[in-house]
Amino acid sequence: MTLESWLALALIAIGGVFFLAGTVGLLRLPDAYTRLHALTKADNVGLGFVATGLAVLSGSWLVACKLLLVWLLVLLSAAAAAHLIAQSNLRRGIRPWQR
């Protein structure tokens, strides 16, 4: 295996760890707001690592730019979706968790 392959494998594995952390946060955190935050942040960072690893593997600038564009669009849509979900929860009277 080449150095590029090892780098790509490491980046994709790091992305998988972030996806796993987001899933654990979804299952373990106490309320909808903290779950939403953990899932959105971890998945966005995880996707960034995976997309970077795939861009390294592709060997093409065009493919790398497409992957970057996909990641940026997911960042925007995830932020908008998280905001809408949190706003809907507040309107329904779901209060954030407090000790």
C-alpha atoms as a PDB file:
ATOM      1  CA  MET A   1       0.000   0.000   0.000  1.00  0.00           C
ATOM      2  CA  THR A   2       1.144   3.499  -0.758  1.00  0.00           C
ATOM      3  CA  LEU A   3       1.400   6.427   1.602  1.00  0.00           C
ATOM      4  CA  GLU A   4      -1.727   7.942   0.034  1.00  0.00           C
ATOM      5  CA  SER A   5      -3.686   4.775   0.752  1.00  0.00           C
ATOM      6  CA  TRP A   6      -2.583   4.760   4.395  1.00  0.00           C
ATOM      7  CA  LEU A   7      -3.460   8.449   4.772  1.00  0.00           C
ATOM      8  CA  ALA A   8      -6.879   7.904   3.215  1.00  0.00           C
ATOM      9  CA  LEU A   9      -7.507   4.882   5.429  1.00  0.00           C
ATOM     10  CA  ALA A  10      -6.548   6.868   8.528  1.00  0.00           C
ATOM     11  CA  LEU A  11      -8.817   9.784   7.569  1.00  0.00           C
ATOM     12  CA  ILE A  12     -11.761   7.494   6.872  1.00  0.00           C
ATOM     13  CA  ALA A  13     -11.193   5.640  10.157  1.00  0.00           C
ATOM     14  CA  ILE A  14     -11.110   8.936  12.074  1.00  0.00           C
ATOM     15  CA  GLY A  15     -14.358   9.884  10.361  1.00  0.00           C
ATOM     16  CA  GLY A  16     -15.864   6.584  11.468  1.00  0.00           C
ATOM     17  CA  VAL A  17     -14.855   7.329  15.057  1.00  0.00           C
ATOM     18  CA  PHE A  18     -16.679  10.661  14.870  1.00  0.00           C
ATOM     19  CA  PHE A  19     -19.775   8.929  13.457  1.00  0.00           C
ATOM     20  CA  LEU A  20     -19.612   6.457  16.331  1.00  0.00           C
ATOM     21  CA  ALA A  21     -19.260   9.304  18.854  1.00  0.00           C
ATOM     22  CA  GLY A  22     -22.320  11.010  17.385  1.00  0.00           C
ATOM     23  CA  THR A  23     -24.299   7.797  17.693  1.00  0.00           C
ATOM     24  CA  VAL A  24     -23.221   7.353  21.307  1.00  0.00           C
ATOM     25  CA  GLY A  25     -24.224  10.970  21.987  1.00  0.00           C
ATOM     26  CA  LEU A  26     -27.607  10.345  20.411  1.00  0.00           C
ATOM     27  CA  LEU A  27     -28.193   7.366  22.668  1.00  0.00           C
ATOM     28  CA  ARG A  28     -26.702   8.689  25.924  1.00  0.00           C
ATOM     29  CA  LEU A  29     -27.450  12.406  26.222  1.00  0.00           C
ATOM     30  CA  PRO A  30     -30.431  13.532  28.317  1.00  0.00           C
ATOM     31  CA  ASP A  31     -32.599  15.699  26.053  1.00  0.00           C
ATOM     32  CA  ALA A  32     -33.413  16.426  22.431  1.00  0.00           C
ATOM     33  CA  TYR A  33     -31.269  19.565  22.252  1.00  0.00           C
ATOM     34  CA  THR A  34     -28.025  18.014  23.451  1.00  0.00           C
ATOM     35  CA  ARG A  35     -28.660  14.923  21.318  1.00  0.00           C
ATOM     36  CA  LEU A  36     -29.237  17.109  18.290  1.00  0.00           C
ATOM     37  CA  HIS A  37     -26.061  19.067  18.961  1.00  0.00           C
ATOM     38  CA  ALA A  38     -23.911  15.973  19.419  1.00  0.00           C
ATOM     39  CA  LEU A  39     -25.292  14.257  16.357  1.00  0.00           C
ATOM     40  CA  THR A  40     -24.999  17.299  14.089  1.00  0.00           C
ATOM     41  CA  LYS A  41     -21.465  18.242  15.140  1.00  0.00           C
ATOM     42  CA  ALA A  42     -20.025  14.742  15.155  1.00  0.00           C
ATOM     43  CA  ASP A  43     -21.606  13.741  11.847  1.00  0.00           C
ATOM     44  CA  ASN A  44     -20.434  16.902  10.102  1.00  0.00           C
ATOM     45  CA  VAL A  45     -16.863  16.452  11.302  1.00  0.00           C
ATOM     46  CA  GLY A  46     -16.985  12.736  10.513  1.00  0.00           C
ATOM     47  CA  LEU A  47     -18.217  13.407   6.993  1.00  0.00           C
ATOM     48  CA  GLY A  48     -15.427  15.950   6.540  1.00  0.00           C
ATOM     49  CA  PHE A  49     -12.809  13.339   7.412  1.00  0.00           C
ATOM     50  CA  VAL A  50     -14.416  10.689   5.216  1.00  0.00           C
ATOM     51  CA  ALA A  51     -14.725  13.090   2.274  1.00  0.00           C
ATOM     52  CA  THR A  52     -11.096  14.145   2.697  1.00  0.00           C
ATOM     53  CA  GLY A  53      -9.986  10.516   2.777  1.00  0.00           C
ATOM     54  CA  LEU A  54     -11.968   9.748  -0.360  1.00  0.00           C
ATOM     55  CA  ALA A  55     -10.547  12.838  -2.061  1.00  0.00           C
ATOM     56  CA  VAL A  56      -7.026  11.599  -1.324  1.00  0.00           C
ATOM     57  CA  LEU A  57      -7.920   8.211  -2.777  1.00  0.00           C
ATOM     58  CA  SER A  58      -9.555   9.636  -5.898  1.00  0.00           C
ATOM     59  CA  GLY A  59      -6.399  11.220  -7.296  1.00  0.00           C
ATOM     60  CA  SER A  60      -8.502  13.700  -9.253  1.00  0.00           C
ATOM     61  CA  TRP A  61      -8.978  17.383  -8.483  1.00  0.00           C
ATOM     62  CA  LEU A  62     -12.443  17.317 -10.034  1.00  0.00           C
ATOM     63  CA  VAL A  63     -13.600  14.500  -7.761  1.00  0.00           C
ATOM     64  CA  ALA A  64     -12.008  16.199  -4.748  1.00  0.00           C
ATOM     65  CA  CYS A  65     -13.869  19.432  -5.527  1.00  0.00           C
ATOM     66  CA  LYS A  66     -17.139  17.535  -5.886  1.00  0.00           C
ATOM     67  CA  LEU A  67     -16.592  15.864  -2.524  1.00  0.00           C
ATOM     68  CA  LEU A  68     -15.845  19.241  -0.943  1.00  0.00           C
ATOM     69  CA  LEU A  69     -19.028  20.666  -2.459  1.00  0.00           C
ATOM     70  CA  VAL A  70     -21.088  17.752  -1.143  1.00  0.00           C
ATOM     71  CA  TRP A  71     -19.610  18.222   2.322  1.00  0.00           C
ATOM     72  CA  LEU A  72     -20.355  21.960   2.299  1.00  0.00           C
ATOM     73  CA  LEU A  73     -23.944  21.343   1.213  1.00  0.00           C
ATOM     74  CA  VAL A  74     -24.390  18.794   3.995  1.00  0.00           C
ATOM     75  CA  LEU A  75     -22.979  21.314   6.492  1.00  0.00           C
ATOM     76  CA  LEU A  76     -25.530  23.902   5.419  1.00  0.00           C
ATOM     77  CA  SER A  77     -28.470  21.514   5.358  1.00  0.00           C
ATOM     78  CA  ALA A  78     -27.579  19.942   8.717  1.00  0.00           C
ATOM     79  CA  ALA A  79     -27.369  23.344  10.376  1.00  0.00           C
ATOM     80  CA  ALA A  80     -30.714  24.390   8.920  1.00  0.00           C
ATOM     81  CA  ALA A  81     -32.366  21.090   9.884  1.00  0.00           C
ATOM     82  CA  ALA A  82     -31.000  21.237  13.438  1.00  0.00           C
ATOM     83  CA  HIS A  83     -32.276  24.789  13.825  1.00  0.00           C
ATOM     84  CA  LEU A  84     -35.737  23.848  12.560  1.00  0.00           C
ATOM     85  CA  ILE A  85     -35.948  20.808  14.831  1.00  0.00           C
ATOM     86  CA  ALA A  86     -34.861  22.811  17.885  1.00  0.00           C
ATOM     87  CA  GLN A  87     -37.310  25.602  17.038  1.00  0.00           C
ATOM     88  CA  SER A  88     -40.125  23.073  16.655  1.00  0.00           C
ATOM     89  CA  ASN A  89     -39.272  21.546  20.027  1.00  0.00           C
ATOM     90  CA  LEU A  90     -39.360  24.952  21.697  1.00  0.00           C
ATOM     91  CA  ARG A  91     -42.753  25.716  20.147  1.00  0.00           C
ATOM     92  CA  ARG A  92     -44.084  22.415  21.469  1.00  0.00           C
ATOM     93  CA  GLY A  93     -42.943  23.391  24.948  1.00  0.00           C
ATOM     94  CA  ILE A  94     -40.069  20.941  25.223  1.00  0.00           C
ATOM     95  CA  ARG A  95     -37.637  22.611  27.588  1.00  0.00           C
ATOM     96  CA  PRO A  96     -33.872  22.042  27.627  1.00  0.00           C
ATOM     97  CA  TRP A  97     -32.578  19.659  30.294  1.00  0.00           C
ATOM     98  CA  GLN A  98     -31.383  21.214  33.549  1.00  0.00           C
ATOM     99  CA  ARG A  99     -29.790  19.624  36.590  1.00  0.00           C
END
